[in-house]
Amino acid sequence: MSCNTNCGPLVVTLLTGAPGRPANLGDITGDVSVVTAGSSSVATVTGIRGKTVAATTPTANQIYQFNGTEWQPVNFTAGTY
């Protein structure tokens, strides 16, 4: 999957938990927030290993880079990382 136009925060849709057992989204803690609407639930990554992911929407060809405080989208230039 690629992001060619307007990508938002990292979003993970949780379909199932352990094999044969539906996910209990109420048990999720840490760097994820869960929003349930009707029969669908979406988990959004709000941090990586306890460090905040910036609310700034990345654009095409950007990557997340840690700046010492939070993960921010930055322009990717091959060979500089």
C-alpha atoms as a PDB file:
ATOM      1  CA  MET A   1       0.000   0.000   0.000  1.00  0.00           C
ATOM      2  CA  SER A   2       1.267   3.450  -0.788  1.00  0.00           C
ATOM      3  CA  CYS A   3       0.324   6.957   0.257  1.00  0.00           C
ATOM      4  CA  ASN A   4       0.193   9.144  -2.816  1.00  0.00           C
ATOM      5  CA  THR A   5      -1.955  12.018  -1.571  1.00  0.00           C
ATOM      6  CA  ASN A   6      -3.281  12.673   1.918  1.00  0.00           C
ATOM      7  CA  CYS A   7      -2.218  10.186   4.578  1.00  0.00           C
ATOM      8  CA  GLY A   8      -3.348  10.663   8.142  1.00  0.00           C
ATOM      9  CA  PRO A   9      -2.030   9.161  11.359  1.00  0.00           C
ATOM     10  CA  LEU A  10      -0.940   5.549  11.439  1.00  0.00           C
ATOM     11  CA  VAL A  11      -4.168   3.553  11.612  1.00  0.00           C
ATOM     12  CA  VAL A  12      -4.550  -0.157  12.252  1.00  0.00           C
ATOM     13  CA  THR A  13      -7.903  -1.891  11.863  1.00  0.00           C
ATOM     14  CA  LEU A  14      -8.117  -4.830  14.239  1.00  0.00           C
ATOM     15  CA  LEU A  15     -10.080  -7.725  12.806  1.00  0.00           C
ATOM     16  CA  THR A  16      -9.449 -10.578  15.234  1.00  0.00           C
ATOM     17  CA  GLY A  17      -7.508 -11.410  18.342  1.00  0.00           C
ATOM     18  CA  ALA A  18      -5.997 -14.809  18.972  1.00  0.00           C
ATOM     19  CA  PRO A  19      -7.004 -17.491  16.463  1.00  0.00           C
ATOM     20  CA  GLY A  20     -10.612 -18.493  17.107  1.00  0.00           C
ATOM     21  CA  ARG A  21     -11.134 -15.638  19.573  1.00  0.00           C
ATOM     22  CA  PRO A  22     -12.385 -12.147  18.661  1.00  0.00           C
ATOM     23  CA  ALA A  23     -10.214  -9.234  19.760  1.00  0.00           C
ATOM     24  CA  ASN A  24     -11.214  -7.619  23.040  1.00  0.00           C
ATOM     25  CA  LEU A  25     -10.394  -4.037  22.185  1.00  0.00           C
ATOM     26  CA  GLY A  26     -11.008  -2.970  25.771  1.00  0.00           C
ATOM     27  CA  ASP A  27      -7.795  -4.795  26.699  1.00  0.00           C
ATOM     28  CA  ILE A  28      -5.596  -2.610  24.474  1.00  0.00           C
ATOM     29  CA  THR A  29      -3.339  -0.215  26.354  1.00  0.00           C
ATOM     30  CA  GLY A  30      -0.243   1.814  25.623  1.00  0.00           C
ATOM     31  CA  ASP A  31       0.467   3.682  22.395  1.00  0.00           C
ATOM     32  CA  VAL A  32      -2.944   3.001  20.828  1.00  0.00           C
ATOM     33  CA  SER A  33      -6.353   4.641  21.100  1.00  0.00           C
ATOM     34  CA  VAL A  34      -9.483   2.709  20.128  1.00  0.00           C
ATOM     35  CA  VAL A  35     -12.675   4.213  18.732  1.00  0.00           C
ATOM     36  CA  THR A  36     -15.747   2.020  18.342  1.00  0.00           C
ATOM     37  CA  ALA A  37     -18.627   3.050  16.096  1.00  0.00           C
ATOM     38  CA  GLY A  38     -21.423   0.523  15.780  1.00  0.00           C
ATOM     39  CA  SER A  39     -19.901  -2.864  15.031  1.00  0.00           C
ATOM     40  CA  SER A  40     -16.558  -1.481  13.810  1.00  0.00           C
ATOM     41  CA  SER A  41     -13.525  -0.573  15.897  1.00  0.00           C
ATOM     42  CA  VAL A  42     -10.446   1.290  14.732  1.00  0.00           C
ATOM     43  CA  ALA A  43      -7.188   1.473  16.664  1.00  0.00           C
ATOM     44  CA  THR A  44      -5.004   4.509  16.002  1.00  0.00           C
ATOM     45  CA  VAL A  45      -1.298   4.496  16.847  1.00  0.00           C
ATOM     46  CA  THR A  46      -0.684   7.528  19.064  1.00  0.00           C
ATOM     47  CA  GLY A  47       2.898   6.681  19.996  1.00  0.00           C
ATOM     48  CA  ILE A  48       5.811   4.384  19.318  1.00  0.00           C
ATOM     49  CA  ARG A  49       7.392   2.855  22.418  1.00  0.00           C
ATOM     50  CA  GLY A  50       5.944   5.584  24.616  1.00  0.00           C
ATOM     51  CA  LYS A  51       6.956   8.495  22.388  1.00  0.00           C
ATOM     52  CA  THR A  52       4.222  10.609  20.760  1.00  0.00           C
ATOM     53  CA  VAL A  53       3.504  10.496  17.029  1.00  0.00           C
ATOM     54  CA  ALA A  54       3.028  14.077  15.775  1.00  0.00           C
ATOM     55  CA  ALA A  55      -0.473  15.055  14.662  1.00  0.00           C
ATOM     56  CA  THR A  56       1.033  16.552  11.482  1.00  0.00           C
ATOM     57  CA  THR A  57      -0.204  14.669   8.433  1.00  0.00           C
ATOM     58  CA  PRO A  58       2.676  13.273   6.381  1.00  0.00           C
ATOM     59  CA  THR A  59       2.816  13.964   2.648  1.00  0.00           C
ATOM     60  CA  ALA A  60       4.003  11.723  -0.189  1.00  0.00           C
ATOM     61  CA  ASN A  61       7.554  10.374   0.250  1.00  0.00           C
ATOM     62  CA  GLN A  62       7.826  11.303   3.928  1.00  0.00           C
ATOM     63  CA  ILE A  63       8.872   8.983   6.736  1.00  0.00           C
ATOM     64  CA  TYR A  64       8.517   9.242  10.522  1.00  0.00           C
ATOM     65  CA  GLN A  65      11.753  10.277  12.232  1.00  0.00           C
ATOM     66  CA  PHE A  66      12.328  10.634  15.965  1.00  0.00           C
ATOM     67  CA  ASN A  67      13.537  14.133  16.884  1.00  0.00           C
ATOM     68  CA  GLY A  68      14.349  13.363  20.535  1.00  0.00           C
ATOM     69  CA  THR A  69      10.842  14.284  21.692  1.00  0.00           C
ATOM     70  CA  GLU A  70       8.339  12.823  19.218  1.00  0.00           C
ATOM     71  CA  TRP A  71       8.010  11.031  15.877  1.00  0.00           C
ATOM     72  CA  GLN A  72       7.513  13.573  13.080  1.00  0.00           C
ATOM     73  CA  PRO A  73       7.031  13.199   9.329  1.00  0.00           C
ATOM     74  CA  VAL A  74      10.127  14.355   7.405  1.00  0.00           C
ATOM     75  CA  ASN A  75      11.121  14.291   3.755  1.00  0.00           C
ATOM     76  CA  PHE A  76      12.899  11.085   2.785  1.00  0.00           C
ATOM     77  CA  THR A  77      16.133  11.380   0.847  1.00  0.00           C
ATOM     78  CA  ALA A  78      17.705   8.058  -0.127  1.00  0.00           C
ATOM     79  CA  GLY A  79      21.144   7.473   1.324  1.00  0.00           C
ATOM     80  CA  THR A  80      20.964  10.017   4.133  1.00  0.00           C
ATOM     81  CA  TYR A  81      19.638   7.771   6.923  1.00  0.00           C
END
